[in-house]
Amino acid sequence: MVKWSLMDSTGCKQRGEIELAQIPGELLRFEREAARVMKKTGADHVLYGIKIYGTDDRLKTVQFYMNPMEDEEFYRLTGRVRNAMIYALHNHSKNP
């Protein structure tokens, strides 16, 4: 079992545990919703998940999000992350 949390701009909304085998399906579900959010908001990026690993390279926790954001915020937040896998959609149609 792996710990998970559902985060928003104010912090943690829900938390629990999930089986390792269920994580890819949940990430896919969040990715599909992120595509809808991106289309609706026109955001540069929609962050929908982060897998966080320990120093032993074992998965410690998964954080789920649905945060549309512009370039500056996305790079500021994700630039500080270490030992993690970021899951986000990127709006390439906005680039010149």
N, C-alpha and C. Protein backbone atom coordinates (compact mmCIF):
# COMPACT_ATOMS: atom_id res chain seq x y z
N MET A 1 0.84 -1.18 0.00
CA MET A 1 0.00 0.00 0.00
C MET A 1 0.89 1.25 0.00
N VAL A 2 0.41 2.26 -0.69
CA VAL A 2 1.12 3.53 -0.79
C VAL A 2 0.18 4.63 -0.31
N LYS A 3 0.73 5.57 0.42
CA LYS A 3 -0.07 6.71 0.87
C LYS A 3 -0.38 7.62 -0.31
N TRP A 4 -1.58 8.22 -0.28
CA TRP A 4 -1.95 9.18 -1.31
C TRP A 4 -2.62 10.36 -0.65
N SER A 5 -2.62 11.47 -1.37
CA SER A 5 -3.36 12.65 -0.92
C SER A 5 -3.90 13.39 -2.14
N LEU A 6 -5.01 14.06 -1.94
CA LEU A 6 -5.61 14.91 -2.96
C LEU A 6 -5.38 16.34 -2.50
N MET A 7 -4.63 17.09 -3.31
CA MET A 7 -4.22 18.43 -2.94
C MET A 7 -4.93 19.46 -3.81
N ASP A 8 -5.16 20.65 -3.23
CA ASP A 8 -5.59 21.79 -4.03
C ASP A 8 -4.76 22.99 -3.60
N SER A 9 -5.11 24.16 -4.06
CA SER A 9 -4.29 25.34 -3.76
C SER A 9 -4.26 25.70 -2.28
N THR A 10 -5.19 25.16 -1.51
CA THR A 10 -5.22 25.46 -0.07
C THR A 10 -4.56 24.37 0.77
N GLY A 11 -4.18 23.26 0.15
CA GLY A 11 -3.54 22.18 0.88
C GLY A 11 -4.22 20.84 0.64
N CYS A 12 -4.11 19.96 1.61
CA CYS A 12 -4.62 18.59 1.49
C CYS A 12 -6.13 18.56 1.73
N LYS A 13 -6.86 17.97 0.78
CA LYS A 13 -8.31 17.85 0.92
C LYS A 13 -8.71 16.46 1.41
N GLN A 14 -7.99 15.44 0.94
CA GLN A 14 -8.28 14.05 1.32
C GLN A 14 -6.97 13.29 1.34
N ARG A 15 -6.96 12.16 2.07
CA ARG A 15 -5.79 11.29 2.08
C ARG A 15 -6.22 9.87 2.38
N GLY A 16 -5.34 8.95 2.06
CA GLY A 16 -5.62 7.55 2.32
C GLY A 16 -4.47 6.68 1.85
N GLU A 17 -4.79 5.42 1.55
CA GLU A 17 -3.81 4.49 1.02
C GLU A 17 -4.38 3.85 -0.23
N ILE A 18 -3.48 3.51 -1.16
CA ILE A 18 -3.87 2.92 -2.43
C ILE A 18 -2.91 1.78 -2.74
N GLU A 19 -3.42 0.75 -3.39
CA GLU A 19 -2.55 -0.34 -3.83
C GLU A 19 -1.69 0.14 -4.99
N LEU A 20 -0.47 -0.30 -5.01
CA LEU A 20 0.48 0.09 -6.05
C LEU A 20 -0.09 -0.14 -7.44
N ALA A 21 -0.78 -1.26 -7.64
CA ALA A 21 -1.33 -1.61 -8.95
C ALA A 21 -2.44 -0.66 -9.39
N GLN A 22 -3.06 0.06 -8.47
CA GLN A 22 -4.16 0.97 -8.80
C GLN A 22 -3.67 2.35 -9.23
N ILE A 23 -2.43 2.68 -8.95
CA ILE A 23 -1.93 4.03 -9.21
C ILE A 23 -1.96 4.40 -10.69
N PRO A 24 -1.52 3.55 -11.62
CA PRO A 24 -1.58 3.94 -13.04
C PRO A 24 -3.00 4.29 -13.50
N GLY A 25 -3.99 3.55 -13.07
CA GLY A 25 -5.37 3.83 -13.44
C GLY A 25 -5.87 5.15 -12.89
N GLU A 26 -5.49 5.45 -11.65
CA GLU A 26 -5.88 6.73 -11.05
C GLU A 26 -5.19 7.89 -11.77
N LEU A 27 -3.92 7.72 -12.10
CA LEU A 27 -3.22 8.78 -12.83
C LEU A 27 -3.85 9.01 -14.20
N LEU A 28 -4.27 7.95 -14.86
CA LEU A 28 -4.93 8.07 -16.16
C LEU A 28 -6.25 8.82 -16.01
N ARG A 29 -7.00 8.52 -14.97
CA ARG A 29 -8.27 9.21 -14.72
C ARG A 29 -8.03 10.70 -14.49
N PHE A 30 -7.00 11.04 -13.71
CA PHE A 30 -6.67 12.44 -13.47
C PHE A 30 -6.16 13.11 -14.74
N GLU A 31 -5.40 12.38 -15.57
CA GLU A 31 -4.91 12.94 -16.82
C GLU A 31 -6.07 13.32 -17.74
N ARG A 32 -7.06 12.46 -17.83
CA ARG A 32 -8.23 12.76 -18.67
C ARG A 32 -8.97 13.99 -18.18
N GLU A 33 -9.13 14.11 -16.87
CA GLU A 33 -9.77 15.30 -16.31
C GLU A 33 -8.90 16.53 -16.54
N ALA A 34 -7.59 16.39 -16.43
CA ALA A 34 -6.67 17.51 -16.68
C ALA A 34 -6.82 18.03 -18.11
N ALA A 35 -7.04 17.13 -19.07
CA ALA A 35 -7.25 17.55 -20.46
C ALA A 35 -8.50 18.40 -20.58
N ARG A 36 -9.56 18.02 -19.87
CA ARG A 36 -10.79 18.82 -19.88
C ARG A 36 -10.56 20.19 -19.23
N VAL A 37 -9.83 20.19 -18.12
CA VAL A 37 -9.54 21.44 -17.42
C VAL A 37 -8.69 22.36 -18.30
N MET A 38 -7.70 21.80 -18.99
CA MET A 38 -6.85 22.61 -19.86
C MET A 38 -7.67 23.23 -20.98
N LYS A 39 -8.54 22.43 -21.58
CA LYS A 39 -9.38 22.94 -22.66
C LYS A 39 -10.30 24.05 -22.15
N LYS A 40 -10.84 23.87 -20.98
CA LYS A 40 -11.78 24.85 -20.40
C LYS A 40 -11.08 26.14 -19.99
N THR A 41 -9.89 26.03 -19.39
CA THR A 41 -9.21 27.20 -18.83
C THR A 41 -8.20 27.83 -19.77
N GLY A 42 -7.66 27.05 -20.73
CA GLY A 42 -6.62 27.56 -21.60
C GLY A 42 -5.29 27.74 -20.88
N ALA A 43 -5.11 27.08 -19.74
CA ALA A 43 -3.89 27.21 -18.95
C ALA A 43 -2.68 26.68 -19.72
N ASP A 44 -1.50 27.17 -19.34
CA ASP A 44 -0.27 26.68 -19.94
C ASP A 44 0.02 25.24 -19.52
N HIS A 45 -0.33 24.90 -18.28
CA HIS A 45 -0.06 23.58 -17.72
C HIS A 45 -1.19 23.19 -16.78
N VAL A 46 -1.43 21.90 -16.66
CA VAL A 46 -2.32 21.38 -15.61
C VAL A 46 -1.55 20.28 -14.89
N LEU A 47 -1.19 20.56 -13.66
CA LEU A 47 -0.52 19.58 -12.80
C LEU A 47 -1.58 18.64 -12.26
N TYR A 48 -1.39 17.32 -12.44
CA TYR A 48 -2.40 16.39 -11.95
C TYR A 48 -1.84 15.30 -11.04
N GLY A 49 -0.53 15.21 -10.90
CA GLY A 49 -0.01 14.19 -9.99
C GLY A 49 1.49 14.32 -9.75
N ILE A 50 1.90 13.84 -8.60
CA ILE A 50 3.33 13.74 -8.28
C ILE A 50 3.54 12.45 -7.50
N LYS A 51 4.48 11.63 -7.98
CA LYS A 51 4.92 10.46 -7.22
C LYS A 51 6.18 10.87 -6.48
N ILE A 52 6.22 10.66 -5.17
CA ILE A 52 7.37 11.05 -4.36
C ILE A 52 8.07 9.80 -3.87
N TYR A 53 9.39 9.76 -4.10
CA TYR A 53 10.20 8.60 -3.75
C TYR A 53 11.11 8.93 -2.57
N GLY A 54 11.40 7.93 -1.76
CA GLY A 54 12.32 8.08 -0.64
C GLY A 54 13.76 7.98 -1.10
N THR A 55 14.68 8.15 -0.18
CA THR A 55 16.10 8.06 -0.50
C THR A 55 16.49 6.66 -0.95
N ASP A 56 15.66 5.67 -0.62
CA ASP A 56 15.90 4.29 -1.05
C ASP A 56 15.27 3.99 -2.41
N ASP A 57 14.76 5.04 -3.09
CA ASP A 57 14.12 4.94 -4.41
C ASP A 57 12.81 4.16 -4.40
N ARG A 58 12.23 3.98 -3.24
CA ARG A 58 10.92 3.33 -3.15
C ARG A 58 9.84 4.41 -3.12
N LEU A 59 8.72 4.11 -3.79
CA LEU A 59 7.61 5.06 -3.83
C LEU A 59 7.04 5.25 -2.43
N LYS A 60 7.03 6.48 -1.96
CA LYS A 60 6.54 6.79 -0.61
C LYS A 60 5.10 7.27 -0.61
N THR A 61 4.77 8.15 -1.57
CA THR A 61 3.43 8.72 -1.60
C THR A 61 3.10 9.22 -3.00
N VAL A 62 1.82 9.33 -3.27
CA VAL A 62 1.33 9.91 -4.52
C VAL A 62 0.42 11.06 -4.15
N GLN A 63 0.67 12.20 -4.77
CA GLN A 63 -0.19 13.36 -4.56
C GLN A 63 -0.95 13.62 -5.85
N PHE A 64 -2.26 13.73 -5.75
CA PHE A 64 -3.10 14.03 -6.90
C PHE A 64 -3.52 15.49 -6.84
N TYR A 65 -3.56 16.14 -8.01
CA TYR A 65 -3.90 17.55 -8.13
C TYR A 65 -4.86 17.73 -9.29
N MET A 66 -5.35 18.95 -9.44
CA MET A 66 -6.04 19.38 -10.64
C MET A 66 -5.84 20.89 -10.72
N ASN A 67 -4.55 21.27 -10.87
CA ASN A 67 -4.17 22.68 -10.79
C ASN A 67 -3.79 23.25 -12.15
N PRO A 68 -4.67 24.05 -12.76
CA PRO A 68 -4.26 24.76 -13.96
C PRO A 68 -3.33 25.90 -13.56
N MET A 69 -2.27 26.12 -14.33
CA MET A 69 -1.33 27.18 -13.97
C MET A 69 -0.59 27.70 -15.19
N GLU A 70 -0.05 28.88 -15.05
CA GLU A 70 0.74 29.51 -16.10
C GLU A 70 2.20 29.07 -15.95
N ASP A 71 3.01 29.38 -16.96
CA ASP A 71 4.40 28.95 -16.99
C ASP A 71 5.16 29.28 -15.71
N GLU A 72 5.10 30.52 -15.29
CA GLU A 72 5.89 30.97 -14.14
C GLU A 72 5.60 30.14 -12.89
N GLU A 73 4.33 29.93 -12.58
CA GLU A 73 3.95 29.16 -11.40
C GLU A 73 4.37 27.70 -11.54
N PHE A 74 4.16 27.11 -12.72
CA PHE A 74 4.52 25.72 -12.93
C PHE A 74 6.01 25.49 -12.71
N TYR A 75 6.84 26.32 -13.33
CA TYR A 75 8.29 26.13 -13.20
C TYR A 75 8.78 26.45 -11.79
N ARG A 76 8.14 27.39 -11.13
CA ARG A 76 8.52 27.71 -9.75
C ARG A 76 8.23 26.52 -8.84
N LEU A 77 7.05 25.92 -8.98
CA LEU A 77 6.67 24.79 -8.12
C LEU A 77 7.44 23.52 -8.45
N THR A 78 7.55 23.19 -9.70
CA THR A 78 8.18 21.91 -10.07
C THR A 78 9.70 21.99 -10.05
N GLY A 79 10.26 23.17 -10.13
CA GLY A 79 11.71 23.33 -10.10
C GLY A 79 12.34 22.97 -8.76
N ARG A 80 11.54 22.96 -7.71
CA ARG A 80 12.04 22.65 -6.37
C ARG A 80 11.89 21.18 -6.00
N VAL A 81 11.21 20.42 -6.80
CA VAL A 81 10.90 19.03 -6.48
C VAL A 81 12.12 18.13 -6.73
N ARG A 82 12.41 17.27 -5.77
CA ARG A 82 13.50 16.30 -5.90
C ARG A 82 12.94 14.91 -5.58
N ASN A 83 13.54 13.88 -6.17
CA ASN A 83 13.12 12.49 -5.95
C ASN A 83 11.63 12.31 -6.21
N ALA A 84 11.18 12.84 -7.34
CA ALA A 84 9.76 12.76 -7.66
C ALA A 84 9.55 12.69 -9.16
N MET A 85 8.39 12.19 -9.53
CA MET A 85 7.95 12.15 -10.92
C MET A 85 6.73 13.07 -11.01
N ILE A 86 6.81 14.08 -11.88
CA ILE A 86 5.75 15.06 -12.06
C ILE A 86 4.84 14.60 -13.20
N TYR A 87 3.55 14.67 -13.00
CA TYR A 87 2.57 14.36 -14.04
C TYR A 87 1.79 15.63 -14.34
N ALA A 88 1.91 16.12 -15.58
CA ALA A 88 1.24 17.35 -15.97
C ALA A 88 1.01 17.34 -17.48
N LEU A 89 -0.01 18.05 -17.89
CA LEU A 89 -0.23 18.29 -19.31
C LEU A 89 0.27 19.69 -19.63
N HIS A 90 0.76 19.87 -20.86
CA HIS A 90 1.35 21.14 -21.27
C HIS A 90 0.65 21.62 -22.54
N ASN A 91 0.26 22.86 -22.54
CA ASN A 91 -0.49 23.45 -23.66
C ASN A 91 0.50 23.97 -24.70
N HIS A 92 0.84 23.14 -25.66
CA HIS A 92 1.82 23.51 -26.69
C HIS A 92 1.23 24.44 -27.72
N SER A 93 -0.08 24.54 -27.79
CA SER A 93 -0.71 25.42 -28.78
C SER A 93 -0.53 26.89 -28.41
N LYS A 94 -0.14 27.19 -27.17
CA LYS A 94 0.05 28.57 -26.75
C LYS A 94 1.44 29.08 -27.07
N ASN A 95 2.38 28.18 -27.36
CA ASN A 95 3.75 28.59 -27.65
C ASN A 95 3.82 29.19 -29.05
N PRO A 96 4.65 30.25 -29.22
CA PRO A 96 4.75 30.89 -30.55
C PRO A 96 5.41 30.00 -31.57
